[in-house]
Amino acid sequence: MALKEKFKQEIIPKLMKNLNLKNPLAVPQVKKVIINIGIGEATQNKELLEKTSIVITAIIGQKPKTCPAKKAIAGFKLRDGTPIGLTVTLRGKRMYSFIEKLFKIVLPRVRDFQGVKKSSFDSSGNYTLGIKDLSVFPEAEFGKIDRPRGLEITFVTNAQDKEKSKELLTLLGMPFEK
C-alpha cells in the first residue's frame, strides 16, 4: 500500500485518537518536503552545479532550482547572484514516495545509524534532517559523485507544535532515536 493511501486509511484515525481530535481536517499533515544542497565550490567550478543537479534529478525525480548567493563575500570569492546551491520542493504523490523511500531504504543505509534526533523540530512543528553523503541513495551512481556531498531535508507540517508533528512523523515511519 502506498504511503498516501496508508495515511488516509490508517494514520488519520490513529492521529485523531492519539491527539483527541474530532474533525479529520484538524489532523496534522506534511504539506511539503524541501531538499537543499549548498555547493560552495560552485564559484570556481561551474560544472559542479550541473553534475550535482543531474544526480539530484535522478534521486528525487524532479529537476532542482539553482539558488543564487544573497550577498557578496570577498573572502570566499563570492559575488552577489552567483549560483551556489540547489533546492527542490516536493508536494503530493512525489513527496509521499520520497518520504517512503527515505524512511525505508535510505536512512537504514546510513553508516552507524541509531535513529534521527528528536531535537531537530522548530517551534512551528517542522523537522529538518541532514544527510552527510548522497551515496546512501540507491539512484546515486558512484562515478557521477566527485566527493561526498550532503543535503538538508525539511519536512514542513501544518502542526502547530513539536509534539503533534513528532506523532505525525512517527506514524509515517520516521525512525527516531530511542
N, C-alpha and C. Protein backbone atom coordinates (compact mmCIF):
# COMPACT_ATOMS: atom_id res chain seq x y z
N MET A 1 0.85 -1.18 0.00
CA MET A 1 0.00 0.00 0.00
C MET A 1 0.89 1.24 0.00
N ALA A 2 0.60 2.18 -0.88
CA ALA A 2 1.37 3.41 -0.94
C ALA A 2 1.16 4.23 0.32
N LEU A 3 2.14 5.05 0.63
CA LEU A 3 2.10 5.82 1.88
C LEU A 3 0.92 6.79 1.91
N LYS A 4 0.56 7.35 0.74
CA LYS A 4 -0.55 8.30 0.71
C LYS A 4 -1.87 7.62 1.09
N GLU A 5 -2.11 6.41 0.56
CA GLU A 5 -3.32 5.67 0.91
C GLU A 5 -3.28 5.21 2.36
N LYS A 6 -2.08 4.78 2.80
CA LYS A 6 -1.93 4.37 4.20
C LYS A 6 -2.23 5.53 5.14
N PHE A 7 -1.80 6.74 4.73
CA PHE A 7 -2.06 7.93 5.54
C PHE A 7 -3.56 8.16 5.69
N LYS A 8 -4.28 8.06 4.57
CA LYS A 8 -5.72 8.30 4.61
C LYS A 8 -6.48 7.23 5.39
N GLN A 9 -6.09 5.97 5.22
CA GLN A 9 -6.87 4.88 5.81
C GLN A 9 -6.46 4.54 7.24
N GLU A 10 -5.16 4.61 7.55
CA GLU A 10 -4.70 4.14 8.86
C GLU A 10 -4.19 5.25 9.78
N ILE A 11 -3.43 6.16 9.22
CA ILE A 11 -2.74 7.14 10.07
C ILE A 11 -3.69 8.23 10.57
N ILE A 12 -4.60 8.71 9.72
CA ILE A 12 -5.53 9.76 10.16
C ILE A 12 -6.38 9.29 11.35
N PRO A 13 -6.97 8.07 11.32
CA PRO A 13 -7.72 7.63 12.52
C PRO A 13 -6.85 7.50 13.77
N LYS A 14 -5.60 7.02 13.61
CA LYS A 14 -4.70 6.91 14.76
C LYS A 14 -4.36 8.28 15.33
N LEU A 15 -4.09 9.24 14.45
CA LEU A 15 -3.78 10.60 14.91
C LEU A 15 -4.99 11.24 15.60
N MET A 16 -6.18 11.01 15.05
CA MET A 16 -7.38 11.57 15.68
C MET A 16 -7.54 11.01 17.09
N LYS A 17 -7.27 9.72 17.26
CA LYS A 17 -7.39 9.10 18.58
C LYS A 17 -6.28 9.58 19.52
N ASN A 18 -5.03 9.58 19.05
CA ASN A 18 -3.89 9.95 19.89
C ASN A 18 -3.90 11.42 20.30
N LEU A 19 -4.38 12.29 19.41
CA LEU A 19 -4.37 13.73 19.68
C LEU A 19 -5.73 14.25 20.16
N ASN A 20 -6.69 13.36 20.36
CA ASN A 20 -8.04 13.72 20.81
C ASN A 20 -8.70 14.75 19.89
N LEU A 21 -8.71 14.45 18.60
CA LEU A 21 -9.33 15.34 17.62
C LEU A 21 -10.65 14.74 17.15
N LYS A 22 -11.63 15.60 16.91
CA LYS A 22 -12.93 15.15 16.44
C LYS A 22 -13.06 15.27 14.91
N ASN A 23 -12.42 16.27 14.35
CA ASN A 23 -12.54 16.55 12.93
C ASN A 23 -11.32 16.01 12.18
N PRO A 24 -11.50 15.20 11.14
CA PRO A 24 -10.35 14.69 10.40
C PRO A 24 -9.56 15.78 9.67
N LEU A 25 -10.18 16.92 9.43
CA LEU A 25 -9.47 18.01 8.78
C LEU A 25 -8.50 18.71 9.73
N ALA A 26 -8.64 18.47 11.02
CA ALA A 26 -7.75 19.07 12.01
C ALA A 26 -6.49 18.25 12.23
N VAL A 27 -6.40 17.09 11.59
CA VAL A 27 -5.24 16.21 11.74
C VAL A 27 -4.03 16.86 11.08
N PRO A 28 -2.87 16.90 11.76
CA PRO A 28 -1.67 17.48 11.14
C PRO A 28 -1.22 16.64 9.95
N GLN A 29 -0.68 17.33 8.95
CA GLN A 29 -0.21 16.69 7.73
C GLN A 29 1.12 17.28 7.31
N VAL A 30 1.88 16.51 6.52
CA VAL A 30 3.09 17.04 5.91
C VAL A 30 2.64 17.79 4.66
N LYS A 31 2.90 19.08 4.61
CA LYS A 31 2.47 19.90 3.48
C LYS A 31 3.45 19.83 2.31
N LYS A 32 4.76 19.85 2.63
CA LYS A 32 5.78 19.77 1.59
C LYS A 32 7.09 19.31 2.19
N VAL A 33 7.97 18.84 1.33
CA VAL A 33 9.32 18.45 1.72
C VAL A 33 10.27 19.28 0.86
N ILE A 34 11.20 19.96 1.53
CA ILE A 34 12.16 20.82 0.83
C ILE A 34 13.55 20.21 0.98
N ILE A 35 14.24 20.03 -0.14
CA ILE A 35 15.58 19.46 -0.14
C ILE A 35 16.54 20.54 -0.63
N ASN A 36 17.58 20.82 0.17
CA ASN A 36 18.57 21.84 -0.15
C ASN A 36 19.96 21.24 -0.19
N ILE A 37 20.77 21.73 -1.14
CA ILE A 37 22.18 21.36 -1.20
C ILE A 37 22.97 22.63 -1.44
N GLY A 38 23.94 22.89 -0.58
CA GLY A 38 24.85 24.02 -0.76
C GLY A 38 26.14 23.53 -1.38
N ILE A 39 26.56 24.18 -2.46
CA ILE A 39 27.78 23.79 -3.16
C ILE A 39 28.68 25.03 -3.22
N GLY A 40 29.48 25.20 -2.21
CA GLY A 40 30.34 26.37 -2.13
C GLY A 40 31.39 26.43 -3.20
N GLU A 41 31.87 25.25 -3.67
CA GLU A 41 32.91 25.22 -4.70
C GLU A 41 32.38 25.60 -6.08
N ALA A 42 31.09 25.82 -6.20
CA ALA A 42 30.49 26.17 -7.49
C ALA A 42 30.96 27.53 -7.97
N THR A 43 31.53 28.35 -7.08
CA THR A 43 32.05 29.65 -7.52
C THR A 43 33.26 29.48 -8.42
N GLN A 44 34.08 28.44 -8.18
CA GLN A 44 35.26 28.18 -9.01
C GLN A 44 34.96 27.21 -10.15
N ASN A 45 34.05 26.27 -9.95
CA ASN A 45 33.78 25.23 -10.93
C ASN A 45 32.29 25.20 -11.27
N LYS A 46 31.93 25.76 -12.42
CA LYS A 46 30.52 25.84 -12.82
C LYS A 46 29.93 24.47 -13.15
N GLU A 47 30.77 23.51 -13.61
CA GLU A 47 30.29 22.19 -13.98
C GLU A 47 29.78 21.42 -12.76
N LEU A 48 30.30 21.75 -11.60
CA LEU A 48 29.93 21.06 -10.37
C LEU A 48 28.44 21.18 -10.09
N LEU A 49 27.90 22.35 -10.33
CA LEU A 49 26.47 22.58 -10.12
C LEU A 49 25.63 21.72 -11.07
N GLU A 50 26.05 21.61 -12.31
CA GLU A 50 25.32 20.81 -13.30
C GLU A 50 25.39 19.32 -12.97
N LYS A 51 26.58 18.84 -12.57
CA LYS A 51 26.73 17.42 -12.23
C LYS A 51 25.88 17.06 -11.02
N THR A 52 25.89 17.91 -10.01
CA THR A 52 25.09 17.66 -8.81
C THR A 52 23.60 17.73 -9.15
N SER A 53 23.22 18.62 -10.04
CA SER A 53 21.83 18.73 -10.46
C SER A 53 21.35 17.45 -11.14
N ILE A 54 22.20 16.83 -11.93
CA ILE A 54 21.85 15.57 -12.60
C ILE A 54 21.66 14.46 -11.57
N VAL A 55 22.54 14.40 -10.57
CA VAL A 55 22.43 13.38 -9.53
C VAL A 55 21.15 13.58 -8.72
N ILE A 56 20.85 14.83 -8.35
CA ILE A 56 19.65 15.13 -7.57
C ILE A 56 18.39 14.80 -8.37
N THR A 57 18.40 15.09 -9.66
CA THR A 57 17.25 14.76 -10.51
C THR A 57 17.02 13.25 -10.54
N ALA A 58 18.11 12.47 -10.60
CA ALA A 58 17.98 11.01 -10.59
C ALA A 58 17.44 10.51 -9.25
N ILE A 59 17.87 11.12 -8.15
CA ILE A 59 17.45 10.69 -6.82
C ILE A 59 15.98 11.03 -6.56
N ILE A 60 15.59 12.27 -6.86
CA ILE A 60 14.29 12.77 -6.46
C ILE A 60 13.24 12.63 -7.55
N GLY A 61 13.65 12.72 -8.80
CA GLY A 61 12.69 12.63 -9.89
C GLY A 61 12.13 13.98 -10.28
N GLN A 62 12.80 15.03 -9.86
CA GLN A 62 12.36 16.39 -10.17
C GLN A 62 13.61 17.26 -10.31
N LYS A 63 13.61 18.13 -11.31
CA LYS A 63 14.78 18.98 -11.56
C LYS A 63 14.88 20.07 -10.48
N PRO A 64 16.06 20.23 -9.88
CA PRO A 64 16.21 21.25 -8.84
C PRO A 64 16.35 22.66 -9.41
N LYS A 65 16.05 23.63 -8.58
CA LYS A 65 16.19 25.05 -8.92
C LYS A 65 17.52 25.52 -8.36
N THR A 66 18.26 26.31 -9.13
CA THR A 66 19.53 26.85 -8.62
C THR A 66 19.25 28.03 -7.71
N CYS A 67 20.04 28.13 -6.66
CA CYS A 67 19.88 29.21 -5.68
C CYS A 67 21.09 30.13 -5.75
N PRO A 68 20.87 31.41 -5.99
CA PRO A 68 21.99 32.34 -6.05
C PRO A 68 22.41 32.82 -4.67
N ALA A 69 23.64 33.32 -4.59
CA ALA A 69 24.13 33.91 -3.35
C ALA A 69 23.36 35.21 -3.08
N LYS A 70 23.04 35.47 -1.83
CA LYS A 70 22.26 36.65 -1.48
C LYS A 70 23.12 37.89 -1.30
N LYS A 71 24.40 37.68 -0.95
CA LYS A 71 25.28 38.84 -0.83
C LYS A 71 26.71 38.44 -1.17
N ALA A 72 27.51 39.39 -1.48
CA ALA A 72 28.90 39.17 -1.87
C ALA A 72 29.78 39.04 -0.63
N ILE A 73 30.69 38.05 -0.66
CA ILE A 73 31.67 37.86 0.41
C ILE A 73 33.03 37.71 -0.26
N ALA A 74 33.86 38.71 -0.13
CA ALA A 74 35.15 38.74 -0.83
C ALA A 74 36.08 37.63 -0.35
N GLY A 75 36.04 37.28 0.92
CA GLY A 75 36.91 36.24 1.46
C GLY A 75 36.65 34.87 0.84
N PHE A 76 35.43 34.63 0.39
CA PHE A 76 35.08 33.36 -0.24
C PHE A 76 35.05 33.48 -1.77
N LYS A 77 35.47 34.62 -2.31
CA LYS A 77 35.42 34.90 -3.75
C LYS A 77 34.00 34.71 -4.29
N LEU A 78 33.05 35.24 -3.55
CA LEU A 78 31.64 35.06 -3.86
C LEU A 78 31.01 36.40 -4.22
N ARG A 79 30.34 36.43 -5.35
CA ARG A 79 29.64 37.63 -5.79
C ARG A 79 28.14 37.46 -5.59
N ASP A 80 27.47 38.57 -5.45
CA ASP A 80 26.02 38.57 -5.30
C ASP A 80 25.38 38.01 -6.57
N GLY A 81 24.51 37.02 -6.43
CA GLY A 81 23.81 36.44 -7.57
C GLY A 81 24.49 35.23 -8.18
N THR A 82 25.67 34.85 -7.71
CA THR A 82 26.36 33.67 -8.22
C THR A 82 25.63 32.41 -7.73
N PRO A 83 25.31 31.47 -8.63
CA PRO A 83 24.61 30.26 -8.17
C PRO A 83 25.53 29.39 -7.30
N ILE A 84 25.07 29.08 -6.08
CA ILE A 84 25.88 28.29 -5.15
C ILE A 84 25.10 27.15 -4.49
N GLY A 85 23.87 26.92 -4.90
CA GLY A 85 23.09 25.85 -4.27
C GLY A 85 21.96 25.38 -5.14
N LEU A 86 21.34 24.29 -4.69
CA LEU A 86 20.19 23.70 -5.38
C LEU A 86 19.09 23.45 -4.37
N THR A 87 17.86 23.62 -4.79
CA THR A 87 16.72 23.34 -3.92
C THR A 87 15.59 22.70 -4.73
N VAL A 88 14.87 21.80 -4.07
CA VAL A 88 13.72 21.13 -4.66
C VAL A 88 12.59 21.14 -3.64
N THR A 89 11.39 21.45 -4.07
CA THR A 89 10.21 21.38 -3.21
C THR A 89 9.30 20.28 -3.74
N LEU A 90 8.99 19.31 -2.87
CA LEU A 90 8.13 18.20 -3.26
C LEU A 90 6.78 18.31 -2.58
N ARG A 91 5.73 18.04 -3.34
CA ARG A 91 4.37 18.01 -2.80
C ARG A 91 3.64 16.82 -3.41
N GLY A 92 2.55 16.42 -2.76
CA GLY A 92 1.67 15.40 -3.32
C GLY A 92 2.30 14.02 -3.43
N LYS A 93 2.06 13.37 -4.57
CA LYS A 93 2.47 11.99 -4.77
C LYS A 93 3.99 11.83 -4.71
N ARG A 94 4.74 12.74 -5.32
CA ARG A 94 6.21 12.67 -5.28
C ARG A 94 6.73 12.81 -3.85
N MET A 95 6.09 13.67 -3.07
CA MET A 95 6.51 13.87 -1.68
C MET A 95 6.34 12.58 -0.89
N TYR A 96 5.17 11.94 -1.01
CA TYR A 96 4.93 10.71 -0.26
C TYR A 96 5.85 9.58 -0.70
N SER A 97 6.12 9.47 -2.00
CA SER A 97 7.02 8.40 -2.45
C SER A 97 8.45 8.68 -1.98
N PHE A 98 8.87 9.96 -1.94
CA PHE A 98 10.21 10.29 -1.42
C PHE A 98 10.31 9.99 0.08
N ILE A 99 9.26 10.33 0.83
CA ILE A 99 9.26 10.07 2.27
C ILE A 99 9.37 8.57 2.53
N GLU A 100 8.60 7.78 1.79
CA GLU A 100 8.64 6.33 1.97
C GLU A 100 10.01 5.77 1.64
N LYS A 101 10.62 6.23 0.54
CA LYS A 101 11.95 5.77 0.16
C LYS A 101 12.99 6.19 1.20
N LEU A 102 12.86 7.40 1.72
CA LEU A 102 13.81 7.91 2.71
C LEU A 102 13.76 7.09 3.99
N PHE A 103 12.55 6.82 4.49
CA PHE A 103 12.41 6.11 5.77
C PHE A 103 12.74 4.62 5.66
N LYS A 104 12.38 3.99 4.55
CA LYS A 104 12.54 2.53 4.44
C LYS A 104 13.85 2.09 3.82
N ILE A 105 14.42 2.89 2.91
CA ILE A 105 15.61 2.45 2.18
C ILE A 105 16.85 3.27 2.55
N VAL A 106 16.73 4.58 2.51
CA VAL A 106 17.91 5.44 2.62
C VAL A 106 18.45 5.51 4.05
N LEU A 107 17.61 5.86 5.02
CA LEU A 107 18.11 6.03 6.39
C LEU A 107 18.72 4.75 6.97
N PRO A 108 18.15 3.55 6.71
CA PRO A 108 18.84 2.35 7.21
C PRO A 108 20.21 2.11 6.57
N ARG A 109 20.48 2.71 5.40
CA ARG A 109 21.78 2.54 4.74
C ARG A 109 22.85 3.48 5.28
N VAL A 110 22.46 4.45 6.10
CA VAL A 110 23.44 5.38 6.68
C VAL A 110 24.31 4.62 7.67
N ARG A 111 25.60 4.85 7.59
CA ARG A 111 26.54 4.15 8.46
C ARG A 111 26.31 4.51 9.92
N ASP A 112 26.33 3.52 10.80
CA ASP A 112 26.15 3.68 12.24
C ASP A 112 24.85 4.42 12.57
N PHE A 113 23.78 4.09 11.88
CA PHE A 113 22.51 4.79 12.08
C PHE A 113 21.83 4.29 13.34
N GLN A 114 21.54 5.19 14.26
CA GLN A 114 20.86 4.86 15.50
C GLN A 114 19.48 5.50 15.58
N GLY A 115 19.06 6.16 14.55
CA GLY A 115 17.79 6.88 14.54
C GLY A 115 18.05 8.37 14.38
N VAL A 116 17.02 9.11 13.98
CA VAL A 116 17.16 10.55 13.81
C VAL A 116 16.90 11.26 15.13
N LYS A 117 17.50 12.42 15.31
CA LYS A 117 17.38 13.15 16.57
C LYS A 117 15.97 13.69 16.76
N LYS A 118 15.52 13.68 17.98
CA LYS A 118 14.19 14.21 18.32
C LYS A 118 14.24 15.72 18.53
N SER A 119 15.44 16.29 18.59
CA SER A 119 15.58 17.71 18.91
C SER A 119 15.59 18.62 17.68
N SER A 120 15.39 18.08 16.48
CA SER A 120 15.51 18.88 15.27
C SER A 120 14.20 19.53 14.82
N PHE A 121 13.23 19.64 15.72
CA PHE A 121 11.97 20.32 15.41
C PHE A 121 12.12 21.81 15.69
N ASP A 122 11.48 22.64 14.87
CA ASP A 122 11.43 24.06 15.20
C ASP A 122 10.14 24.33 15.97
N SER A 123 9.91 25.58 16.32
CA SER A 123 8.75 25.91 17.16
C SER A 123 7.42 25.72 16.42
N SER A 124 7.42 25.68 15.10
CA SER A 124 6.20 25.52 14.32
C SER A 124 5.86 24.06 14.05
N GLY A 125 6.73 23.13 14.44
CA GLY A 125 6.48 21.73 14.19
C GLY A 125 7.12 21.20 12.92
N ASN A 126 7.99 21.96 12.28
CA ASN A 126 8.70 21.50 11.10
C ASN A 126 9.95 20.75 11.54
N TYR A 127 10.38 19.77 10.75
CA TYR A 127 11.53 18.94 11.12
C TYR A 127 12.58 19.04 10.03
N THR A 128 13.84 19.22 10.43
CA THR A 128 14.95 19.30 9.48
C THR A 128 15.93 18.18 9.77
N LEU A 129 16.33 17.50 8.71
CA LEU A 129 17.21 16.35 8.79
C LEU A 129 18.37 16.55 7.83
N GLY A 130 19.57 16.28 8.26
CA GLY A 130 20.74 16.40 7.40
C GLY A 130 21.32 15.04 7.09
N ILE A 131 21.70 14.84 5.83
CA ILE A 131 22.37 13.61 5.41
C ILE A 131 23.73 14.02 4.87
N LYS A 132 24.79 13.39 5.37
CA LYS A 132 26.15 13.81 5.06
C LYS A 132 26.65 13.34 3.70
N ASP A 133 26.05 12.28 3.14
CA ASP A 133 26.58 11.74 1.90
C ASP A 133 25.43 11.30 0.99
N LEU A 134 25.47 11.73 -0.27
CA LEU A 134 24.43 11.37 -1.23
C LEU A 134 24.49 9.91 -1.66
N SER A 135 25.61 9.25 -1.42
CA SER A 135 25.78 7.88 -1.91
C SER A 135 24.88 6.87 -1.19
N VAL A 136 24.19 7.27 -0.11
CA VAL A 136 23.26 6.35 0.55
C VAL A 136 21.97 6.18 -0.26
N PHE A 137 21.72 7.06 -1.21
CA PHE A 137 20.57 6.90 -2.09
C PHE A 137 20.90 5.88 -3.17
N PRO A 138 20.01 4.92 -3.43
CA PRO A 138 20.33 3.88 -4.42
C PRO A 138 20.50 4.42 -5.84
N GLU A 139 19.88 5.55 -6.17
CA GLU A 139 19.96 6.10 -7.53
C GLU A 139 21.26 6.86 -7.78
N ALA A 140 21.97 7.21 -6.73
CA ALA A 140 23.21 7.99 -6.88
C ALA A 140 24.31 7.08 -7.37
N GLU A 141 24.73 7.28 -8.62
CA GLU A 141 25.80 6.47 -9.19
C GLU A 141 27.13 6.95 -8.65
N PHE A 142 27.95 6.00 -8.26
CA PHE A 142 29.21 6.34 -7.60
C PHE A 142 30.14 7.15 -8.50
N GLY A 143 30.15 6.91 -9.80
CA GLY A 143 31.04 7.62 -10.71
C GLY A 143 30.66 9.07 -10.95
N LYS A 144 29.39 9.41 -10.75
CA LYS A 144 28.94 10.77 -11.02
C LYS A 144 29.14 11.71 -9.84
N ILE A 145 29.41 11.16 -8.65
CA ILE A 145 29.63 11.99 -7.47
C ILE A 145 31.13 12.14 -7.27
N ASP A 146 31.63 13.38 -7.36
CA ASP A 146 33.08 13.61 -7.27
C ASP A 146 33.61 13.48 -5.85
N ARG A 147 32.83 13.87 -4.89
CA ARG A 147 33.22 13.75 -3.48
C ARG A 147 31.94 13.70 -2.65
N PRO A 148 32.02 13.27 -1.39
CA PRO A 148 30.79 13.20 -0.58
C PRO A 148 30.14 14.57 -0.43
N ARG A 149 28.87 14.63 -0.79
CA ARG A 149 28.09 15.86 -0.67
C ARG A 149 26.90 15.58 0.23
N GLY A 150 26.58 16.54 1.07
CA GLY A 150 25.44 16.40 1.97
C GLY A 150 24.24 17.15 1.46
N LEU A 151 23.11 16.87 2.08
CA LEU A 151 21.90 17.60 1.76
C LEU A 151 21.07 17.76 3.02
N GLU A 152 20.15 18.71 2.94
CA GLU A 152 19.28 19.04 4.07
C GLU A 152 17.84 18.80 3.62
N ILE A 153 17.09 18.05 4.43
CA ILE A 153 15.71 17.73 4.11
C ILE A 153 14.83 18.34 5.20
N THR A 154 13.86 19.18 4.81
CA THR A 154 12.96 19.81 5.76
C THR A 154 11.54 19.33 5.49
N PHE A 155 10.90 18.80 6.53
CA PHE A 155 9.51 18.37 6.46
C PHE A 155 8.66 19.51 7.01
N VAL A 156 7.89 20.15 6.16
CA VAL A 156 7.04 21.27 6.56
C VAL A 156 5.65 20.71 6.85
N THR A 157 5.19 20.89 8.09
CA THR A 157 3.89 20.37 8.50
C THR A 157 2.96 21.53 8.87
N ASN A 158 1.68 21.21 8.98
CA ASN A 158 0.73 22.21 9.46
C ASN A 158 0.43 22.01 10.95
N ALA A 159 1.22 21.17 11.61
CA ALA A 159 1.09 21.01 13.06
C ALA A 159 1.58 22.28 13.73
N GLN A 160 0.96 22.66 14.80
CA GLN A 160 1.31 23.91 15.45
C GLN A 160 2.36 23.76 16.54
N ASP A 161 2.69 22.52 16.90
CA ASP A 161 3.70 22.32 17.93
C ASP A 161 4.52 21.06 17.64
N LYS A 162 5.57 20.88 18.43
CA LYS A 162 6.53 19.79 18.23
C LYS A 162 5.90 18.42 18.48
N GLU A 163 5.05 18.31 19.50
CA GLU A 163 4.51 17.02 19.89
C GLU A 163 3.59 16.45 18.80
N LYS A 164 2.73 17.29 18.23
CA LYS A 164 1.84 16.83 17.17
C LYS A 164 2.64 16.42 15.94
N SER A 165 3.65 17.20 15.62
CA SER A 165 4.48 16.91 14.46
C SER A 165 5.28 15.62 14.67
N LYS A 166 5.77 15.42 15.88
CA LYS A 166 6.52 14.19 16.19
C LYS A 166 5.62 12.97 16.08
N GLU A 167 4.40 13.08 16.55
CA GLU A 167 3.44 11.98 16.45
C GLU A 167 3.14 11.65 14.98
N LEU A 168 2.96 12.69 14.17
CA LEU A 168 2.71 12.52 12.74
C LEU A 168 3.86 11.80 12.06
N LEU A 169 5.09 12.28 12.27
CA LEU A 169 6.24 11.67 11.61
C LEU A 169 6.52 10.26 12.12
N THR A 170 6.23 10.00 13.38
CA THR A 170 6.39 8.65 13.93
C THR A 170 5.44 7.68 13.24
N LEU A 171 4.20 8.08 13.07
CA LEU A 171 3.22 7.21 12.41
C LEU A 171 3.51 7.04 10.92
N LEU A 172 4.16 8.04 10.30
CA LEU A 172 4.56 7.91 8.91
C LEU A 172 5.74 6.94 8.76
N GLY A 173 6.46 6.69 9.86
CA GLY A 173 7.54 5.71 9.81
C GLY A 173 8.92 6.27 10.04
N MET A 174 9.04 7.52 10.48
CA MET A 174 10.37 8.09 10.72
C MET A 174 11.02 7.37 11.92
N PRO A 175 12.23 6.87 11.74
CA PRO A 175 12.90 6.12 12.81
C PRO A 175 13.62 7.07 13.78
N PHE A 176 12.94 7.49 14.84
CA PHE A 176 13.56 8.37 15.84
C PHE A 176 14.47 7.55 16.73
N GLU A 177 15.49 8.23 17.28
CA GLU A 177 16.40 7.54 18.19
C GLU A 177 15.68 7.21 19.48
N LYS A 178 16.13 6.17 20.12
CA LYS A 178 15.47 5.72 21.35
C LYS A 178 16.13 6.28 22.57
